[in-house]
Amino acid sequence: MKYYLVLIFMTLTLSVWGTSCSDDAPIPETGQQIPPGSTDDDEPPVNPGNDDDDDDNPMSNNLKITVGSASFTATLENNAAATAFKALLPMTINMSELNGNEKYFYLSGNLPTASSNPGTIRTGDLMLYGGSCLVLFYETFSTSYSYTRLGRVNNPSGLASTLGSGSVTVTFELQ
């Protein structure tokens, strides 16, 4: 009987505190900042109007990604997921390490998805896994998983060394 209770406890613990970026698997609280205007429901969070936002060019697909003192520019896709992602910006989050090739963060709500298998992930790809897992890849590799493409870092040189091997604070903002 004791064995079964331990097994049930372990199963519940693993299902609640998943360690990989999988659809609907929450990660433990790690001091991650929730983007402005986010909610706990399934609707994408809305960014409250800030006077210093890019109001002159709300349709901009130019993204600035800042890690420490380093900045990278990225181009967002023209799709529903990227549009919903832009509504969350600016945001500063603590991205966790996974597999030595990516950083991930669970958004508080789901974004629209149109997932497909890219076959190859490229350094600098910004993707959505499931509806709420934001992933920034810093290594190129083959994959069998499906993602919704949000955008891509224009010049990913130095991205891997800047992101490092552990959790990292990343700021995403429109340019």
Protein backbone atom coordinates (compact mmCIF):
# COMPACT_ATOMS: atom_id res chain seq x y z
CA MET A 1 0.00 0.00 0.00
CA LYS A 2 2.84 2.40 0.87
CA TYR A 3 4.40 1.74 -2.56
CA TYR A 4 1.16 2.74 -4.31
CA LEU A 5 0.88 5.97 -2.31
CA VAL A 6 4.46 6.91 -3.24
CA LEU A 7 3.76 6.09 -6.89
CA ILE A 8 0.59 8.21 -6.91
CA PHE A 9 2.43 11.10 -5.21
CA MET A 10 5.28 10.94 -7.74
CA THR A 11 2.84 10.84 -10.68
CA LEU A 12 0.92 13.85 -9.39
CA THR A 13 4.12 15.75 -8.67
CA LEU A 14 5.52 15.14 -12.15
CA SER A 15 2.25 16.10 -13.82
CA VAL A 16 2.02 19.35 -11.86
CA TRP A 17 5.70 20.35 -11.93
CA GLY A 18 6.67 19.27 -15.44
CA THR A 19 10.30 19.85 -16.30
CA SER A 20 10.01 20.24 -20.03
CA CYS A 21 8.32 22.77 -22.23
CA SER A 22 5.17 20.83 -22.99
CA ASP A 23 1.65 21.99 -23.71
CA ASP A 24 -0.25 22.83 -20.50
CA ALA A 25 2.57 21.69 -18.15
CA PRO A 26 3.28 24.45 -15.65
CA ILE A 27 6.76 25.11 -14.36
CA PRO A 28 7.60 25.92 -10.75
CA GLU A 29 7.57 29.58 -9.79
CA THR A 30 11.04 30.98 -10.35
CA GLY A 31 10.46 34.66 -9.85
CA GLN A 32 9.28 35.07 -13.43
CA GLN A 33 7.63 38.36 -14.19
CA ILE A 34 4.18 38.28 -15.68
CA PRO A 35 3.80 40.60 -18.66
CA PRO A 36 1.77 43.77 -18.10
CA GLY A 37 -1.97 43.26 -18.50
CA SER A 38 -1.78 39.45 -18.33
CA THR A 39 -4.56 37.35 -16.89
CA ASP A 40 -5.00 33.75 -15.83
CA ASP A 41 -7.72 32.97 -18.35
CA ASP A 42 -7.19 31.54 -21.82
CA GLU A 43 -7.47 34.87 -23.62
CA PRO A 44 -4.17 36.49 -24.59
CA PRO A 45 -3.22 39.26 -22.18
CA VAL A 46 -3.68 42.81 -23.33
CA ASN A 47 -0.94 45.35 -22.83
CA PRO A 48 -2.32 48.43 -21.11
CA GLY A 49 -1.56 51.56 -23.11
CA ASN A 50 1.76 53.07 -22.14
CA ASP A 51 2.59 56.50 -23.50
CA ASP A 52 6.11 55.36 -24.42
CA ASP A 53 4.98 52.34 -26.45
CA ASP A 54 5.46 52.29 -30.22
CA ASP A 55 2.12 54.02 -30.84
CA ASP A 56 3.38 55.63 -34.06
CA ASN A 57 3.93 52.21 -35.65
CA PRO A 58 1.60 49.67 -33.98
CA MET A 59 2.02 47.23 -36.86
CA SER A 60 5.81 47.07 -36.50
CA ASN A 61 7.26 43.60 -36.89
CA ASN A 62 10.67 44.68 -35.60
CA LEU A 63 11.45 43.18 -32.23
CA LYS A 64 14.28 44.08 -29.87
CA ILE A 65 15.49 41.27 -27.59
CA THR A 66 17.71 42.39 -24.72
CA VAL A 67 19.78 40.12 -22.47
CA GLY A 68 21.93 42.03 -20.02
CA SER A 69 23.79 44.67 -22.03
CA ALA A 70 23.43 42.78 -25.33
CA SER A 71 20.60 43.44 -27.79
CA PHE A 72 19.43 41.51 -30.83
CA THR A 73 16.90 42.51 -33.45
CA ALA A 74 14.32 40.07 -34.73
CA THR A 75 11.58 40.13 -37.33
CA LEU A 76 8.16 38.87 -36.29
CA GLU A 77 5.99 36.82 -38.61
CA ASN A 78 2.74 38.10 -40.10
CA ASN A 79 0.47 35.63 -38.33
CA ALA A 80 -2.15 35.63 -35.56
CA ALA A 81 0.27 34.27 -32.95
CA ALA A 82 2.84 37.02 -33.59
CA THR A 83 0.10 39.66 -33.51
CA ALA A 84 -1.11 38.36 -30.14
CA PHE A 85 2.49 38.21 -28.90
CA LYS A 86 2.99 41.88 -29.86
CA ALA A 87 -0.01 42.78 -27.68
CA LEU A 88 1.96 41.47 -24.66
CA LEU A 89 4.95 43.72 -25.28
CA PRO A 90 7.00 45.11 -23.75
CA MET A 91 7.75 42.28 -21.33
CA THR A 92 10.67 41.19 -19.22
CA ILE A 93 10.70 37.52 -18.26
CA ASN A 94 12.97 34.94 -16.68
CA MET A 95 13.51 32.24 -19.30
CA SER A 96 14.55 28.76 -18.17
CA GLU A 97 17.12 26.50 -19.84
CA LEU A 98 16.15 23.31 -21.65
CA ASN A 99 18.21 20.72 -23.54
CA GLY A 100 21.26 22.94 -24.05
CA ASN A 101 19.62 24.55 -27.08
CA GLU A 102 16.69 26.68 -25.94
CA LYS A 103 15.26 29.06 -23.36
CA TYR A 104 11.56 28.88 -22.55
CA PHE A 105 8.87 30.70 -20.59
CA TYR A 106 5.20 29.89 -20.01
CA LEU A 107 2.92 32.80 -20.82
CA SER A 108 -0.09 33.20 -18.53
CA GLY A 109 -2.55 32.69 -21.39
CA ASN A 110 -2.70 30.92 -24.72
CA LEU A 111 -1.87 32.57 -28.03
CA PRO A 112 -3.41 31.47 -31.35
CA THR A 113 -1.58 28.50 -32.84
CA ALA A 114 -0.85 27.21 -36.32
CA SER A 115 1.77 24.65 -35.42
CA SER A 116 3.78 22.63 -37.87
CA ASN A 117 6.99 20.68 -37.80
CA PRO A 118 9.82 22.84 -39.17
CA GLY A 119 12.14 19.81 -39.48
CA THR A 120 15.11 21.94 -38.48
CA ILE A 121 15.25 24.54 -35.73
CA ARG A 122 17.71 27.33 -36.50
CA THR A 123 19.68 29.47 -34.08
CA GLY A 124 17.57 32.55 -33.41
CA ASP A 125 14.14 30.99 -34.02
CA LEU A 126 11.44 32.41 -31.74
CA MET A 127 8.61 29.89 -31.51
CA LEU A 128 5.51 28.99 -29.57
CA TYR A 129 5.21 25.41 -28.33
CA GLY A 130 1.61 24.53 -27.60
CA GLY A 131 -0.42 27.64 -26.93
CA SER A 132 1.59 29.25 -24.15
CA CYS A 133 5.24 28.18 -24.16
CA LEU A 134 7.49 30.88 -25.62
CA VAL A 135 10.78 29.39 -26.86
CA LEU A 136 13.95 31.13 -28.02
CA PHE A 137 16.37 28.70 -29.67
CA TYR A 138 20.11 29.34 -29.56
CA GLU A 139 21.36 26.21 -31.36
CA THR A 140 20.49 24.63 -34.72
CA PHE A 141 19.19 21.05 -34.63
CA SER A 142 16.67 18.65 -36.21
CA THR A 143 13.32 18.25 -34.50
CA SER A 144 10.22 16.08 -34.66
CA TYR A 145 8.18 18.56 -32.60
CA SER A 146 5.67 21.07 -33.95
CA TYR A 147 5.78 24.81 -33.23
CA THR A 148 4.05 28.01 -34.23
CA ARG A 149 6.63 30.40 -35.65
CA LEU A 150 6.64 33.84 -34.02
CA GLY A 151 9.79 35.26 -35.60
CA ARG A 152 13.52 35.01 -36.02
CA VAL A 153 16.60 36.87 -34.76
CA ASN A 154 18.06 38.70 -37.77
CA ASN A 155 21.71 38.13 -36.84
CA PRO A 156 22.01 35.44 -34.15
CA SER A 157 25.82 35.65 -33.88
CA GLY A 158 26.66 35.61 -30.18
CA LEU A 159 23.14 34.64 -29.12
CA ALA A 160 24.20 31.33 -27.54
CA SER A 161 27.01 32.86 -25.48
CA THR A 162 24.78 35.78 -24.42
CA LEU A 163 21.98 33.48 -23.24
CA GLY A 164 24.42 31.22 -21.36
CA SER A 165 23.65 27.86 -19.81
CA GLY A 166 21.12 28.67 -17.07
CA SER A 167 18.03 30.79 -16.56
CA VAL A 168 18.29 34.29 -17.96
CA THR A 169 16.28 37.53 -17.86
CA VAL A 170 15.15 38.57 -21.32
CA THR A 171 13.29 41.70 -22.41
CA PHE A 172 11.15 41.69 -25.56
CA GLU A 173 9.95 45.01 -26.99
CA LEU A 174 8.82 46.42 -30.32
CA GLN A 175 11.21 48.72 -32.17
